Protein backbone atom coordinates (compact mmCIF):
# COMPACT_ATOMS: atom_id res chain seq x y z
CA MET A 1 -28.22 -7.40 55.97
CA GLY A 2 -26.09 -11.08 54.80
CA THR A 3 -25.19 -11.89 51.57
CA TYR A 4 -23.57 -14.91 49.83
CA ASP A 5 -20.49 -15.03 47.59
CA HIS A 6 -19.91 -18.28 47.22
CA SER A 7 -18.38 -19.93 43.39
CA HIS A 8 -20.10 -23.50 41.98
CA SER A 9 -17.50 -25.68 43.55
CA SER A 10 -18.26 -23.99 47.82
CA VAL A 11 -21.55 -24.84 46.96
CA VAL A 12 -21.59 -28.27 46.26
CA ALA A 13 -18.31 -28.42 48.04
CA GLY A 14 -18.13 -31.74 50.25
CA ASP A 15 -18.91 -30.71 53.39
CA GLN A 16 -22.74 -30.31 52.57
CA HIS A 17 -23.58 -33.98 53.73
CA ARG A 18 -24.94 -34.08 49.68
CA GLU A 19 -24.57 -35.71 46.12
CA PHE A 20 -25.92 -32.55 44.04
CA SER A 21 -27.56 -34.56 40.53
CA ALA A 22 -26.81 -33.08 37.51
CA ALA A 23 -29.53 -30.42 37.21
CA GLU A 24 -28.55 -29.17 40.67
CA HIS A 25 -25.24 -28.62 39.67
CA GLN A 26 -26.36 -26.77 36.37
CA ARG A 27 -29.06 -24.72 37.73
CA ILE A 28 -26.26 -23.54 40.83
CA GLN A 29 -24.05 -22.50 38.52
CA VAL A 30 -26.89 -20.62 36.36
CA MET A 31 -28.44 -18.67 39.85
CA ILE A 32 -24.62 -17.83 39.99
CA ALA A 33 -24.15 -16.21 36.52
CA GLU A 34 -27.94 -14.39 36.95
CA GLY A 35 -25.77 -12.96 40.66
CA GLU A 36 -27.67 -14.59 43.11
CA GLY A 37 -24.73 -15.22 45.41
CA GLN A 38 -24.73 -10.96 44.74
CA ARG A 39 -27.43 -10.79 47.06
CA SER A 40 -28.45 -9.97 50.03
CA PHE A 41 -30.28 -11.65 51.94
CA SER A 42 -32.13 -11.66 56.08
CA SER A 43 -34.25 -8.37 54.82
CA LEU A 44 -36.20 -8.86 57.71
CA ILE A 45 -36.24 -10.33 60.90
CA VAL A 46 -38.31 -11.44 63.36
CA ASP A 47 -38.20 -12.08 66.70
CA ILE A 48 -40.97 -14.36 67.18
CA ASP A 49 -40.71 -14.92 71.01
CA LYS A 50 -40.15 -11.29 71.88
CA SER A 51 -44.26 -10.69 72.57
CA ASP A 52 -47.45 -12.12 72.01
CA PHE A 53 -49.65 -13.00 68.51
CA GLU A 54 -50.97 -10.16 67.89
CA THR A 55 -48.02 -7.19 69.00
CA THR A 56 -45.61 -10.18 66.35
CA LEU A 57 -48.28 -9.62 63.24
CA SER A 58 -48.28 -6.26 63.52
CA VAL A 59 -45.10 -5.91 63.49
CA LEU A 60 -44.40 -8.01 60.63
CA GLU A 61 -47.18 -6.22 58.97
CA THR A 62 -45.71 -2.38 59.29
CA ARG A 63 -42.34 -3.76 58.64
CA LEU A 64 -43.04 -5.81 55.50
CA ARG A 65 -45.30 -2.39 53.79
CA ALA A 66 -41.76 -0.39 54.40
CA LEU A 67 -40.17 -3.10 52.31
CA LEU A 68 -42.70 -3.39 49.78
CA PHE A 69 -44.09 0.34 49.21
CA GLN A 70 -39.49 2.15 49.90
CA ASN A 71 -39.63 2.28 46.09
CA LYS A 72 -43.03 3.86 45.29
């Protein structure tokens, strides 16, 4: 898993190759204030090119169930 930990200025930096609207700037600031930048991502990675569809689906189902019910 990785984390996304950036300031508002780095999120909207010029290397993003786009301009952000005023509403987007506000939303980015809210998301950072809510801790979005500190949350982990990629809780589940499934290589879909390793097996046939049925096997991949089974792996995905097993891993999702583990994630969804890990605190129960």
